[in-house]
Amino acid sequence: MKNKLYTAIGLMSGTSMDGVDMSLIRSDGLDQFVNIIDEYYEYDTNLHDQLVDLRNVIFNIKDLETYSQKLSKLEREITLFHSKIVNEVSLKYKGEVNFVGFHGQTIFHNPEIKISRQLGDGELMSQLIKKHVVYDFRQEDLKNNGQGAPLAPIFHNLLSKKINEKHHVEYPICFINIGGISNITKVNKKDERLEENLEAFDSGPGNCMIDEWIRKNSKYKFDQNGSIAKSGKINQLTLNQAIDNFNIGTFEKSLDIKDFDISFVRGLSLEDGCATITNFTAYLIAKGIEYSNGSNDKPIKYFICGGGRKNNFLVQNIKDYLSKKTNISLDIIDEYNLNGDYIESQAFGYLAIRSFLNLSISYPKTTRCKKPTVGGKLVKNF
């Protein structure tokens, strides 16, 4: 007998702060999953600039208090923007939507003081869209001494089963999400206890340093397809100094874009600076992949998702750093009939369903929480 299926909308806005990924899915919160609609909604320039400017001045609790009025105003704007998306999609879909998984826009993340601030008012959204909303996904994990991230691994576990069944890819199966920050999920076996089977960690920067360099030195927001980096030359001396001077230290902690600084390429041209930052990013991602692979010498696939997978220069640089690891192969997830732009938005629809069913969304080996944790606040305000 199959479990009941629920329909959920997942909304995800990442550290690039450029817009919202929306996915409409149907799932039982366990093994059944159908993707129905994926769409992207871009922030206008004013909203994007407000978000970036505000994030750039918030570094601690005091800053959250100092800018509380601006945060409240912007949170309302963000909520209205997301709510409009839900109402538009609901009109298209016609059928009942049971839940909305509302990630919100991260403005501050510091697990050491157990605070992760996502702009997004779940109560207001529920009132506006007349639906159940699940939001504030990270706080319960932080209370359980977790890092609050990454949260997509439980959904990666579900995708690994689909990939294994449809494409006969053997376990372990790994996922690399290259968003603002890069993170890696390793699913060791099929249908094992999740507490033991699922491993994940933030591995370093993804697009954050590249995007910041491009924004500060050109009229563009990002390096499309890696073309700017490809046209430049890697400054080997600068790169070597960055590698020597930077050490993540541990993969036990979640990362924030404020953990990374682009000042080491100051003085380089747009193209050379971009090439050098991209190669440095690739080096750190490759180190994370090597760490996740451990002493394994059997063939293992890593599926790349997120916006960074479109940066051909970045992906090639990662492959170059791993060229001696002949058992490791990197594949773009789209080659397996999955849209790499929407894995995280699909994940938050799935997490909303799991939250409602009181099922764990994070685990000791994914976020370092003390015990499997059910996250998210469910609200009905209509």
Protein backbone atom coordinates (compact mmCIF):
# COMPACT_ATOMS: atom_id res chain seq x y z
CA MET A 1 0.00 0.00 0.00
CA LYS A 2 1.41 3.36 -1.04
CA ASN A 3 1.68 6.29 1.35
CA LYS A 4 -0.42 9.40 0.86
CA LEU A 5 0.98 11.89 -1.65
CA TYR A 6 1.08 15.59 -0.84
CA THR A 7 1.56 18.52 -3.22
CA ALA A 8 4.05 21.19 -2.17
CA ILE A 9 5.67 24.29 -3.58
CA GLY A 10 9.34 24.77 -2.72
CA LEU A 11 10.80 28.29 -2.81
CA MET A 12 14.55 28.83 -2.73
CA SER A 13 16.56 32.03 -2.99
CA GLY A 14 20.29 31.52 -2.69
CA THR A 15 23.29 33.63 -1.75
CA SER A 16 23.48 35.19 -5.21
CA MET A 17 20.31 37.07 -4.22
CA ASP A 18 19.24 37.34 -7.85
CA GLY A 19 15.82 35.77 -7.64
CA VAL A 20 13.67 32.82 -6.56
CA ASP A 21 13.62 29.23 -7.81
CA MET A 22 10.14 27.70 -7.53
CA SER A 23 9.28 24.03 -7.81
CA LEU A 24 5.90 22.35 -7.54
CA ILE A 25 6.27 18.71 -6.51
CA ARG A 26 4.24 15.77 -5.30
CA SER A 27 5.69 13.36 -2.75
CA ASP A 28 4.95 11.16 0.25
CA GLY A 29 7.94 12.65 2.05
CA LEU A 30 9.72 9.31 1.70
CA ASP A 31 10.45 7.52 -1.57
CA GLN A 32 7.77 8.73 -3.96
CA PHE A 33 8.45 11.92 -5.89
CA VAL A 34 7.05 13.62 -8.98
CA ASN A 35 8.26 16.98 -10.24
CA ILE A 36 5.46 19.04 -11.82
CA ILE A 37 6.64 22.60 -12.48
CA ASP A 38 9.96 24.47 -12.19
CA GLU A 39 10.20 28.22 -12.75
CA TYR A 40 12.56 31.09 -11.97
CA TYR A 41 11.48 34.58 -10.87
CA GLU A 42 14.13 37.30 -10.99
CA TYR A 43 14.33 40.06 -8.39
CA ASP A 44 14.23 43.57 -9.83
CA THR A 45 17.45 45.59 -9.57
CA ASN A 46 16.21 47.63 -6.61
CA LEU A 47 15.33 44.58 -4.49
CA HIS A 48 18.57 42.80 -5.41
CA ASP A 49 20.67 45.85 -4.52
CA GLN A 50 18.86 46.35 -1.20
CA LEU A 51 19.53 42.74 -0.23
CA VAL A 52 23.21 42.82 -1.16
CA ASP A 53 23.77 46.18 0.54
CA LEU A 54 22.09 45.04 3.74
CA ARG A 55 23.91 41.71 3.86
CA ASN A 56 27.20 43.55 3.44
CA VAL A 57 26.74 45.50 6.70
CA ILE A 58 25.49 42.68 8.94
CA PHE A 59 28.24 40.76 10.69
CA ASN A 60 26.89 40.07 14.20
CA ILE A 61 23.87 40.23 16.52
CA LYS A 62 24.39 43.93 17.18
CA ASP A 63 24.13 44.63 13.45
CA LEU A 64 20.88 42.67 13.31
CA GLU A 65 19.54 45.00 16.01
CA THR A 66 20.96 48.15 14.43
CA TYR A 67 19.34 47.42 11.08
CA SER A 68 16.17 45.83 12.47
CA GLN A 69 13.82 48.36 10.86
CA LYS A 70 15.40 47.94 7.42
CA LEU A 71 15.30 44.18 7.88
CA SER A 72 11.59 44.25 8.75
CA LYS A 73 10.79 46.39 5.73
CA LEU A 74 12.83 44.19 3.41
CA GLU A 75 11.38 41.02 4.93
CA ARG A 76 7.90 42.24 4.04
CA GLU A 77 9.01 42.94 0.44
CA ILE A 78 10.58 39.51 0.17
CA THR A 79 7.47 37.84 1.55
CA LEU A 80 5.20 39.74 -0.84
CA PHE A 81 7.44 38.75 -3.77
CA HIS A 82 7.39 35.05 -2.83
CA SER A 83 3.64 35.11 -2.11
CA LYS A 84 2.90 36.54 -5.55
CA ILE A 85 4.82 33.61 -7.05
CA VAL A 86 2.74 31.08 -5.10
CA ASN A 87 -0.53 32.70 -6.15
CA GLU A 88 0.54 32.75 -9.82
CA VAL A 89 1.61 29.11 -9.76
CA SER A 90 -1.54 28.05 -7.92
CA LEU A 91 -3.67 29.56 -10.70
CA LYS A 92 -1.69 27.61 -13.31
CA TYR A 93 -1.78 24.34 -11.43
CA LYS A 94 -5.50 24.35 -10.48
CA GLY A 95 -5.11 21.41 -8.09
CA GLU A 96 -4.77 21.69 -4.31
CA VAL A 97 -1.40 22.72 -2.90
CA ASN A 98 -1.00 21.27 0.58
CA PHE A 99 2.18 23.05 1.71
CA VAL A 100 4.63 25.77 0.75
CA GLY A 101 8.25 25.27 1.78
CA PHE A 102 9.50 28.84 2.23
CA HIS A 103 13.28 28.98 2.66
CA GLY A 104 13.49 32.79 2.70
CA GLN A 105 16.54 34.90 1.92
CA THR A 106 19.55 34.28 4.15
CA ILE A 107 20.94 37.55 5.49
CA PHE A 108 23.07 36.23 8.38
CA HIS A 109 24.27 32.74 9.35
CA ASN A 110 26.38 31.95 12.41
CA PRO A 111 25.96 28.46 13.95
CA GLU A 112 28.34 29.25 16.82
CA ILE A 113 25.78 31.62 18.32
CA LYS A 114 22.86 29.52 17.05
CA ILE A 115 21.46 32.21 14.76
CA SER A 116 20.54 31.84 11.11
CA ARG A 117 18.40 34.73 9.87
CA GLN A 118 16.34 34.15 6.76
CA LEU A 119 14.16 37.04 5.63
CA GLY A 120 10.67 35.65 5.18
CA ASP A 121 7.51 35.99 7.25
CA GLY A 122 5.69 32.66 7.18
CA GLU A 123 2.65 34.02 9.04
CA LEU A 124 2.18 36.83 6.52
CA MET A 125 2.69 34.49 3.57
CA SER A 126 0.10 32.05 4.89
CA GLN A 127 -2.37 34.91 5.23
CA LEU A 128 -1.69 36.13 1.69
CA ILE A 129 -1.77 32.77 -0.10
CA LYS A 130 -4.35 30.99 2.09
CA LYS A 131 -2.18 27.88 2.44
CA HIS A 132 -0.11 26.06 5.05
CA VAL A 133 3.45 27.40 5.08
CA VAL A 134 6.55 25.72 6.48
CA TYR A 135 9.48 28.08 7.08
CA ASP A 136 12.44 28.73 9.41
CA PHE A 137 13.94 25.35 8.55
CA ARG A 138 17.32 25.82 10.24
CA GLN A 139 16.55 26.86 13.81
CA GLU A 140 15.72 23.44 15.34
CA ASP A 141 18.93 22.02 13.92
CA LEU A 142 20.92 24.86 15.46
CA LYS A 143 19.22 24.21 18.82
CA ASN A 144 20.44 20.62 18.57
CA ASN A 145 24.03 21.87 18.13
CA GLY A 146 23.86 21.44 14.37
CA GLN A 147 25.32 23.79 11.79
CA GLY A 148 21.92 24.53 10.22
CA ALA A 149 23.27 23.49 6.81
CA PRO A 150 23.33 21.82 4.40
CA LEU A 151 19.67 20.73 4.39
CA ALA A 152 19.27 19.23 0.91
CA PRO A 153 21.03 15.87 1.64
CA ILE A 154 17.82 14.05 2.63
CA PHE A 155 16.43 14.98 -0.80
CA HIS A 156 19.70 13.94 -2.46
CA ASN A 157 19.14 10.55 -0.81
CA LEU A 158 15.81 10.25 -2.64
CA LEU A 159 17.39 11.33 -5.95
CA SER A 160 20.18 8.78 -5.53
CA LYS A 161 17.57 6.01 -5.57
CA LYS A 162 16.08 7.34 -8.81
CA ILE A 163 19.54 7.58 -10.41
CA ASN A 164 20.45 4.10 -9.20
CA GLU A 165 17.25 2.55 -10.54
CA LYS A 166 16.94 4.42 -13.85
CA HIS A 167 20.59 4.75 -14.83
CA HIS A 168 22.16 1.81 -12.97
CA VAL A 169 24.70 4.01 -11.21
CA GLU A 170 26.26 2.10 -8.32
CA TYR A 171 26.58 3.38 -4.76
CA PRO A 172 28.12 5.37 -3.22
CA ILE A 173 26.47 8.25 -5.11
CA CYS A 174 27.56 11.83 -4.46
CA PHE A 175 26.14 15.27 -5.18
CA ILE A 176 28.03 18.55 -5.44
CA ASN A 177 25.86 21.63 -5.18
CA ILE A 178 27.73 24.71 -6.41
CA GLY A 179 25.69 27.68 -5.26
CA GLY A 180 27.18 30.67 -3.44
CA ILE A 181 28.78 28.07 -1.17
CA SER A 182 29.56 24.57 -2.41
CA ASN A 183 28.45 21.51 -0.47
CA ILE A 184 28.81 17.79 -0.97
CA THR A 185 26.45 14.92 -0.12
CA LYS A 186 27.55 11.29 -0.08
CA VAL A 187 24.94 8.53 -0.06
CA ASN A 188 26.85 5.40 0.84
CA LYS A 189 24.32 2.64 0.19
CA LYS A 190 20.71 2.12 -0.79
CA ASP A 191 18.04 1.89 1.92
CA GLU A 192 20.38 1.92 4.89
CA ARG A 193 19.61 3.77 8.15
CA LEU A 194 19.86 7.45 7.25
CA GLU A 195 21.81 8.26 10.41
CA GLU A 196 24.67 6.11 9.17
CA ASN A 197 24.19 6.24 5.42
CA LEU A 198 24.03 9.96 4.70
CA GLU A 199 27.07 12.25 4.93
CA ALA A 200 27.31 15.91 3.94
CA PHE A 201 29.31 19.07 4.51
CA ASP A 202 30.01 22.53 3.15
CA SER A 203 33.20 22.20 1.12
CA GLY A 204 34.13 25.82 0.45
CA PRO A 205 33.17 28.70 -1.81
CA GLY A 206 31.07 28.07 -4.88
CA ASN A 207 30.10 31.12 -6.90
CA CYS A 208 30.37 33.70 -4.11
CA MET A 209 33.91 34.99 -4.71
CA ILE A 210 33.57 34.89 -8.49
CA ASP A 211 30.26 36.77 -8.36
CA GLU A 212 31.63 39.40 -5.97
CA TRP A 213 34.66 40.03 -8.19
CA ILE A 214 32.48 40.39 -11.28
CA ARG A 215 29.98 42.71 -9.56
CA LYS A 216 32.72 44.97 -8.20
CA ASN A 217 34.73 45.17 -11.41
CA SER A 218 32.19 45.09 -14.24
CA LYS A 219 28.59 45.82 -15.14
CA TYR A 220 27.73 42.12 -14.90
CA LYS A 221 26.38 40.10 -11.93
CA PHE A 222 28.23 36.85 -12.69
CA ASP A 223 30.62 35.22 -15.14
CA GLN A 224 28.29 33.59 -17.65
CA ASN A 225 29.59 30.12 -18.61
CA GLY A 226 32.99 31.11 -17.19
CA SER A 227 33.78 33.08 -20.34
CA ILE A 228 35.48 35.99 -18.53
CA ALA A 229 37.70 33.64 -16.53
CA LYS A 230 38.52 31.67 -19.65
CA SER A 231 39.67 34.84 -21.43
CA GLY A 232 42.06 35.67 -18.57
CA LYS A 233 45.30 34.17 -17.30
CA ILE A 234 45.71 32.57 -13.89
CA ASN A 235 48.25 34.50 -11.81
CA GLN A 236 50.16 31.55 -10.44
CA LEU A 237 52.05 33.49 -7.77
CA THR A 238 48.86 35.02 -6.38
CA LEU A 239 47.10 31.65 -6.55
CA ASN A 240 49.91 29.83 -4.74
CA GLN A 241 49.91 32.46 -1.98
CA ALA A 242 46.15 32.12 -1.56
CA ILE A 243 46.43 28.33 -1.34
CA ASP A 244 49.27 28.59 1.19
CA ASN A 245 47.53 31.21 3.33
CA PHE A 246 44.01 29.78 3.37
CA ASN A 247 42.93 26.71 5.25
CA ILE A 248 39.33 25.69 5.88
CA GLY A 249 40.66 23.64 8.79
CA THR A 250 37.63 21.41 9.21
CA PHE A 251 34.69 20.26 7.15
CA GLU A 252 32.63 20.00 10.34
CA LYS A 253 31.36 23.59 10.16
CA SER A 254 28.93 25.23 7.76
CA LEU A 255 30.23 28.18 5.79
CA ASP A 256 28.98 31.64 4.91
CA ILE A 257 30.02 33.83 2.00
CA LYS A 258 31.54 36.23 4.56
CA ASP A 259 34.12 33.53 5.31
CA PHE A 260 35.80 34.30 1.99
CA ASP A 261 37.65 37.38 0.82
CA ILE A 262 38.67 38.40 -2.72
CA SER A 263 41.30 40.96 -1.67
CA PHE A 264 44.12 38.56 -2.59
CA VAL A 265 43.56 39.33 -6.30
CA ARG A 266 43.49 43.11 -5.85
CA GLY A 267 45.30 44.83 -8.70
CA LEU A 268 44.70 42.14 -11.30
CA SER A 269 42.66 42.80 -14.43
CA LEU A 270 39.02 41.76 -14.56
CA GLU A 271 39.88 38.68 -16.63
CA ASP A 272 43.03 37.61 -14.75
CA GLY A 273 41.41 38.18 -11.37
CA CYS A 274 38.40 36.12 -12.42
CA ALA A 275 40.58 33.31 -13.77
CA THR A 276 42.63 33.22 -10.55
CA ILE A 277 39.60 33.29 -8.22
CA THR A 278 37.86 30.61 -10.28
CA ASN A 279 40.89 28.34 -10.14
CA PHE A 280 41.22 28.90 -6.37
CA THR A 281 37.53 28.02 -5.95
CA ALA A 282 38.05 24.88 -8.04
CA TYR A 283 41.03 23.90 -5.88
CA LEU A 284 38.94 24.10 -2.69
CA ILE A 285 36.01 22.18 -4.21
CA ALA A 286 38.44 19.48 -5.41
CA LYS A 287 39.88 19.20 -1.90
CA GLY A 288 36.36 18.69 -0.57
CA ILE A 289 35.75 15.96 -3.13
CA GLU A 290 38.99 14.23 -2.16
CA TYR A 291 37.96 14.42 1.50
CA SER A 292 34.54 12.88 0.81
CA ASN A 293 36.09 10.14 -1.29
CA GLY A 294 38.53 9.22 1.48
CA SER A 295 40.55 6.09 0.79
CA ASN A 296 37.96 4.70 -1.61
CA ASP A 297 39.50 3.48 -4.86
CA LYS A 298 36.33 2.11 -6.45
CA PRO A 299 34.63 4.08 -9.25
CA ILE A 300 32.44 6.83 -7.81
CA LYS A 301 30.24 9.44 -9.50
CA TYR A 302 29.72 13.00 -8.35
CA PHE A 303 26.68 14.77 -9.79
CA ILE A 304 27.10 18.54 -10.12
CA CYS A 305 24.06 20.75 -9.57
CA GLY A 306 23.47 24.43 -8.83
CA GLY A 307 24.35 27.49 -10.88
CA GLY A 308 28.09 26.79 -10.76
CA ARG A 309 27.67 23.73 -12.97
CA LYS A 310 27.15 26.12 -15.91
CA ASN A 311 30.58 27.68 -15.37
CA ASN A 312 32.53 25.53 -17.81
CA PHE A 313 35.87 27.00 -16.77
CA LEU A 314 35.21 26.22 -13.10
CA VAL A 315 34.10 22.65 -13.80
CA GLN A 316 37.11 21.98 -16.03
CA ASN A 317 39.46 23.36 -13.37
CA ILE A 318 37.92 21.03 -10.77
CA LYS A 319 38.44 18.10 -13.14
CA ASP A 320 42.05 19.18 -13.72
CA TYR A 321 42.77 19.17 -9.99
CA LEU A 322 41.27 15.66 -9.74
CA SER A 323 42.97 14.27 -12.87
CA LYS A 324 45.12 11.85 -10.87
CA LYS A 325 42.07 10.46 -9.03
CA THR A 326 41.11 8.05 -11.79
CA ASN A 327 38.21 6.50 -9.84
CA ILE A 328 36.35 9.83 -9.54
CA SER A 329 34.08 11.08 -12.32
CA LEU A 330 32.13 14.34 -12.39
CA ASP A 331 28.85 14.48 -14.30
CA ILE A 332 26.44 17.37 -14.77
CA ILE A 333 23.19 16.21 -13.17
CA ASP A 334 21.12 17.42 -16.17
CA GLU A 335 22.58 14.52 -18.18
CA TYR A 336 20.42 12.24 -16.00
CA ASN A 337 17.07 13.92 -16.73
CA LEU A 338 17.21 16.18 -13.67
CA ASN A 339 17.27 19.97 -13.86
CA GLY A 340 20.28 21.16 -11.89
CA ASP A 341 18.83 24.64 -11.45
CA TYR A 342 15.95 23.43 -9.29
CA ILE A 343 17.30 20.66 -7.05
CA GLU A 344 17.22 22.91 -3.97
CA SER A 345 13.76 24.37 -4.61
CA GLN A 346 12.46 20.83 -5.11
CA ALA A 347 14.23 19.90 -1.88
CA PHE A 348 12.40 22.56 0.14
CA GLY A 349 9.05 21.36 -1.14
CA TYR A 350 10.08 17.86 -0.03
CA LEU A 351 11.34 19.18 3.34
CA ALA A 352 8.01 20.91 3.94
CA ILE A 353 6.20 17.60 3.54
CA ARG A 354 8.66 15.82 5.83
CA SER A 355 8.29 18.57 8.42
CA PHE A 356 4.50 18.16 8.41
CA LEU A 357 4.90 14.37 8.79
CA ASN A 358 7.30 14.90 11.71
CA LEU A 359 10.14 13.25 9.80
CA SER A 360 13.77 14.27 10.29
CA ILE A 361 15.37 16.63 7.79
CA SER A 362 18.89 16.75 9.25
CA TYR A 363 21.23 14.19 10.78
CA PRO A 364 24.43 14.06 12.84
CA LYS A 365 26.54 13.32 9.75
CA THR A 366 24.92 16.01 7.58
CA THR A 367 24.74 19.05 9.89
CA ARG A 368 26.53 17.70 13.05
CA CYS A 369 23.32 17.93 15.11
CA LYS A 370 23.19 15.77 18.24
CA LYS A 371 20.32 13.65 16.93
CA PRO A 372 18.09 13.42 13.83
CA THR A 373 16.11 16.64 13.79
CA VAL A 374 12.69 17.65 12.50
CA GLY A 375 12.98 21.24 11.25
CA GLY A 376 10.62 23.93 10.05
CA LYS A 377 7.67 25.82 11.53
CA LEU A 378 4.22 24.98 10.17
CA VAL A 379 1.79 27.89 10.16
CA LYS A 380 -1.82 28.32 9.09
CA ASN A 381 -2.96 31.93 9.14
CA PHE A 382 -6.18 32.01 7.13
